[in-house]
Each structure stands twice: as structure tokens, then as C-alpha cells.
Protein backbone atom coordinates (compact mmCIF):
# COMPACT_ATOMS: atom_id res chain seq x y z
CA MET A 1 0.00 0.00 0.00
CA ASP A 2 1.47 3.39 -1.00
CA ASP A 3 1.72 6.37 1.34
CA LEU A 4 -1.26 8.05 -0.35
CA GLU A 5 -3.67 5.18 0.27
CA PRO A 6 -5.15 6.58 3.53
CA LEU A 7 -5.68 9.93 1.79
CA ARG A 8 -7.36 8.22 -1.15
CA HIS A 9 -9.77 6.58 1.32
CA GLN A 10 -10.57 9.98 2.82
CA ALA A 11 -11.16 11.47 -0.63
CA ILE A 12 -13.53 8.62 -1.53
CA ARG A 13 -15.46 9.24 1.67
CA VAL A 14 -15.82 12.94 0.82
CA LEU A 15 -17.11 12.04 -2.65
CA SER A 16 -19.48 9.40 -1.25
CA THR A 17 -20.92 11.83 1.28
CA ALA A 18 -21.44 14.46 -1.41
CA VAL A 19 -23.25 12.13 -3.81
CA ALA A 20 -25.39 10.69 -1.00
CA ALA A 21 -26.43 14.24 -0.05
CA GLU A 22 -27.22 14.96 -3.73
CA ARG A 23 -24.57 17.67 -3.87
CA MET A 24 -22.97 15.94 -6.83
CA PRO A 25 -24.44 13.87 -9.70
CA VAL A 26 -23.55 10.19 -9.94
CA GLU A 27 -21.73 10.74 -13.27
CA GLN A 28 -19.43 13.30 -11.65
CA PHE A 29 -18.85 10.96 -8.71
CA GLU A 30 -17.67 8.25 -11.06
CA SER A 31 -15.30 10.53 -12.95
CA ARG A 32 -13.83 12.00 -9.75
CA LEU A 33 -13.44 8.53 -8.26
CA ALA A 34 -11.31 7.54 -11.23
CA LEU A 35 -9.18 10.68 -10.76
CA VAL A 36 -8.71 9.91 -7.04
CA ARG A 37 -7.37 6.46 -7.85
CA GLN A 38 -4.89 7.90 -10.35
CA ALA A 39 -3.79 10.94 -8.31
CA PRO A 40 0.02 11.01 -8.03
CA ASN A 41 0.24 13.23 -4.93
CA ARG A 42 -1.65 14.87 -2.07
CA ALA A 43 -1.99 18.21 -3.87
CA THR A 44 -3.88 16.52 -6.67
CA LEU A 45 -6.18 14.74 -4.20
CA ASP A 46 -6.87 18.04 -2.44
CA ALA A 47 -7.77 19.66 -5.73
CA ILE A 48 -10.20 16.90 -6.70
CA VAL A 49 -12.35 17.36 -3.57
CA ALA A 50 -11.54 20.98 -2.67
CA ASP A 51 -15.02 22.28 -3.54
CA LEU A 52 -16.64 19.62 -1.33
CA LEU A 53 -14.67 20.37 1.84
CA PRO A 54 -15.61 23.17 4.27
CA THR A 55 -11.99 23.84 5.12
CA GLY A 56 -9.79 21.88 2.69
CA GLY A 57 -7.38 19.10 3.46
CA PHE A 58 -8.23 15.70 4.91
CA THR A 59 -9.28 15.11 8.50
CA PRO A 60 -10.06 11.60 9.79
CA PRO A 61 -13.71 11.12 10.89
CA ALA A 62 -14.19 11.81 14.58
CA GLY A 63 -13.85 8.73 16.73
CA LEU A 64 -12.43 6.56 13.98
CA VAL A 65 -8.99 5.12 13.40
CA ARG A 66 -7.68 4.46 9.91
CA ALA A 67 -7.84 0.79 8.96
CA ALA A 68 -4.81 -1.34 9.60
CA SER A 69 -6.25 -4.19 7.52
CA ASP A 70 -7.61 -4.15 3.99
CA HIS A 71 -11.28 -3.94 5.00
CA THR A 72 -11.48 -0.38 3.70
CA ALA A 73 -9.21 -0.88 0.72
CA VAL A 74 -10.49 0.66 -2.48
CA ALA A 75 -12.87 -1.74 -4.14
CA PRO A 76 -11.75 -3.41 -7.39
CA VAL A 77 -14.76 -1.78 -9.04
CA ALA A 78 -16.52 1.44 -8.12
CA PRO A 79 -19.08 0.67 -5.39
CA ALA A 80 -22.72 0.94 -6.36
CA GLU A 81 -24.49 3.90 -4.85
CA TYR A 82 -27.50 1.83 -3.80
CA LEU A 83 -28.52 -1.82 -3.47
CA ARG A 84 -31.82 -3.22 -2.26
CA ILE A 85 -32.11 -6.73 -0.83
CA ALA A 86 -35.61 -8.04 -0.09
CA CYS A 87 -36.64 -11.20 1.70
CA VAL A 88 -40.38 -11.92 1.82
CA PHE A 89 -41.67 -15.19 3.30
CA GLY A 90 -38.31 -16.83 2.79
CA THR A 91 -34.65 -17.11 3.74
CA SER A 92 -31.81 -15.22 2.11
CA LYS A 93 -28.08 -14.75 2.74
CA ARG A 94 -25.39 -12.52 1.24
CA ALA A 95 -21.85 -13.49 2.20
CA GLY A 96 -18.36 -14.03 0.83
CA SER A 97 -16.37 -11.52 -1.21
CA TRP A 98 -18.66 -8.83 -2.60
CA THR A 99 -18.46 -5.07 -3.07
CA VAL A 100 -20.63 -3.28 -0.53
CA PRO A 101 -22.66 -0.34 -1.90
CA LEU A 102 -22.60 3.09 -0.30
CA HIS A 103 -26.22 2.62 0.77
CA LEU A 104 -27.79 -0.77 1.49
CA ASP A 105 -31.56 -1.11 1.79
CA LEU A 106 -32.83 -4.25 3.55
CA LYS A 107 -36.49 -5.24 3.49
CA VAL A 108 -37.71 -8.32 5.37
CA VAL A 109 -41.30 -9.47 5.74
CA CYS A 110 -41.88 -12.75 7.56
CA GLY A 111 -38.45 -13.96 6.56
CA ASP A 112 -34.86 -14.50 7.67
CA LEU A 113 -32.07 -12.43 6.15
CA THR A 114 -28.34 -12.72 6.84
CA ILE A 115 -25.88 -10.11 5.61
CA ASP A 116 -22.26 -11.10 6.19
CA LEU A 117 -19.75 -8.28 5.66
CA ARG A 118 -16.65 -10.00 7.06
CA ASP A 119 -15.06 -10.77 3.70
CA ALA A 120 -16.67 -7.96 1.74
CA VAL A 121 -14.78 -5.18 -0.04
CA PHE A 122 -15.60 -1.61 0.94
CA GLY A 123 -15.17 1.35 -1.40
CA SER A 124 -15.77 3.73 1.51
CA ASP A 125 -15.18 3.68 5.25
CA LEU A 126 -18.84 4.68 5.77
CA VAL A 127 -21.76 2.39 4.95
CA ASP A 128 -25.39 3.37 5.50
CA ILE A 129 -27.86 0.52 5.97
CA GLU A 130 -31.61 1.18 5.92
CA VAL A 131 -33.64 -1.58 7.57
CA HIS A 132 -37.38 -2.21 7.18
CA ALA A 133 -38.58 -5.42 8.82
CA VAL A 134 -42.01 -6.74 9.74
CA MET A 135 -42.17 -10.05 11.63
CA GLY A 136 -38.70 -10.90 10.39
CA ASN A 137 -35.20 -11.76 11.57
CA ILE A 138 -32.06 -9.99 10.40
CA THR A 139 -28.53 -11.09 11.20
CA LEU A 140 -25.79 -8.60 10.35
CA VAL A 141 -22.23 -9.92 10.61
CA VAL A 142 -19.63 -7.16 10.62
CA PRO A 143 -15.80 -7.27 10.63
CA ALA A 144 -14.25 -7.26 14.09
CA GLY A 145 -13.37 -3.71 15.08
CA ALA A 146 -16.05 -2.03 12.98
CA GLN A 147 -18.02 0.76 14.62
CA VAL A 148 -21.80 0.29 14.45
CA GLU A 149 -24.31 3.05 15.14
CA ASN A 150 -27.85 1.73 15.56
CA GLU A 151 -30.59 4.33 15.16
CA ILE A 152 -33.33 1.94 14.08
CA GLU A 153 -36.83 2.65 15.41
CA GLU A 154 -37.96 -0.54 17.14
CA ARG A 155 -41.61 -1.38 17.71
CA PHE A 156 -42.35 -4.61 19.57
CA SER A 157 -38.87 -5.65 18.45
CA ALA A 158 -35.49 -6.55 19.89
CA SER A 159 -31.89 -5.99 18.87
CA SER A 160 -28.52 -7.18 20.11
CA HIS A 161 -24.84 -6.53 19.40
CA SER A 162 -22.46 -9.40 20.12
CA THR A 163 -18.66 -9.14 20.27
CA ARG A 164 -18.09 -12.63 21.64
CA GLY A 165 -14.63 -13.88 20.76
CA VAL A 166 -13.41 -10.52 19.44
CA GLY A 167 -13.90 -8.26 22.46
CA GLY A 168 -11.37 -5.46 22.47
CA ALA A 169 -10.57 -5.77 18.76
CA ALA A 170 -8.69 -2.75 17.42
CA PRO A 171 -10.84 -0.27 15.44
CA ILE A 172 -10.47 -0.73 11.68
CA GLY A 173 -11.86 2.64 10.63
CA LEU A 174 -15.15 1.30 9.27
CA LEU A 175 -18.40 2.98 10.35
CA ILE A 176 -21.72 1.22 9.72
CA ARG A 177 -24.82 3.32 10.35
CA LEU A 178 -28.16 1.56 10.82
CA ALA A 179 -31.47 3.36 10.37
CA GLY A 180 -35.08 2.49 9.53
CA ARG A 181 -37.79 0.61 11.44
CA THR A 182 -38.46 -2.88 12.74
CA VAL A 183 -41.89 -4.15 13.79
CA MET A 184 -42.21 -7.40 15.70
CA SER A 185 -38.75 -8.34 14.46
CA ASN A 186 -35.28 -9.26 15.70
CA LEU A 187 -31.97 -7.72 14.69
CA ASP A 188 -28.70 -9.39 15.68
CA VAL A 189 -25.43 -7.61 15.00
CA LYS A 190 -22.40 -9.87 15.40
CA GLU A 191 -18.74 -8.90 15.20
CA LYS A 192 -16.58 -11.70 13.83
CA LEU A 193 -13.10 -12.20 12.43
CA ARG A 194 -12.65 -12.73 8.73
CA SER A 195 -13.05 -16.28 7.51
CA GLU A 196 -9.87 -18.31 7.21
CA SER A 197 -10.12 -18.43 3.41
CA ALA A 198 -10.03 -14.63 3.28
CA GLN A 199 -7.18 -14.11 5.71
CA PRO A 200 -4.06 -12.62 4.12
CA PRO A 201 -1.09 -15.01 3.90
CA GLY A 202 1.21 -14.94 6.91
């Protein structure tokens, strides 16, 4: 990883935030993302996102530590802006190596949905997940050390966050924000280490 990699991650986050807030069209996001990946120095990175920053320069998000692993490495392809996964009267699971979108929308009605992010590739260190569940069960598996903010409105529902086996794991600089509503549903957030097949060689 070159010395500019952490700054590239910060630039991608700035672009992702801007497009999510509709301050920049998707086409411009894609073109700027390509420029960020090719930028030869910090000055070029600053110039690419200068109009999107209140004060210029890169500042790490409050409360986060830059990733020491490759969980927040730039995705091999540009991350989708939005992905919707629905599970109605059934069972569904998304796991393995996949590129996580900037915004994930989960809908569960009388079903069981598992989203496993342990071995996923993130194009940003911020992922927004919108949850809408009615009489359903959602299991969200996140990489050990990820920060999870749960602002879901729960009605006759329950949620839990388990760190069993990875308690005290070092922060990896990944923030996952949960929002939406659950009705008569269960949400289980579990922190786990990456699977052995995805571990980097020693």
C-alpha cells in the first residue's frame, strides 16, 4: 500500500458523502473517483475534492482510526451507490467476497435475512444501511473492530450486538450506520473475524 492510500480513502469518503447528499451527480462521482485512484500526490487529491470540503485538506472522521487491515481498501470496481435486498416469506443470505454499496436497503417481511460483511470489499469507510422489517429476523455480521451506530426505530422488536470472541478488537476505521424501522422483528449484530479463506497469507 502506498503512502497516499489513507488519503485516497478519505477522498472517496468525501465524494461518497457528497453524492449521498445529492450535492454531486452520480456521473461526476464516477469521474472523480477515477481521478482519485490515479492521483500522483496529495496536492492533486486536495484539488479533486476541494469544492466539497468546508476547510480543505483531509481530517479523519471523529472517533475513527484508519484501517490497519484491507477492509477499507479501495474496491476493485466502483461501489454501487444503492442496493436493495428483499426477503419476503423466505430465507436469504449474502456473504463471501462482494463489493458493498454506499447505501444498502434491507427489506424483510416474515423472513430471515443474513448479511455477512466479514469478507466484503468496501469502497468507503462509511456504509449506511436502511432496515425495514415486519415479523422478520435480520442477522448482520460485521468485521471485528467495525463501529456500528444503531438508530433503528424498534416497535415490539429486539436488537442485540455481540462481540463474543473478538472483544477489544482494534478499530479498523469502518463505520456502519443503521437506520429504519423494525416491527415485531429481531436484529442481531455480530462482530466476527474474517473467515480463514479470506485471511491474508502470513
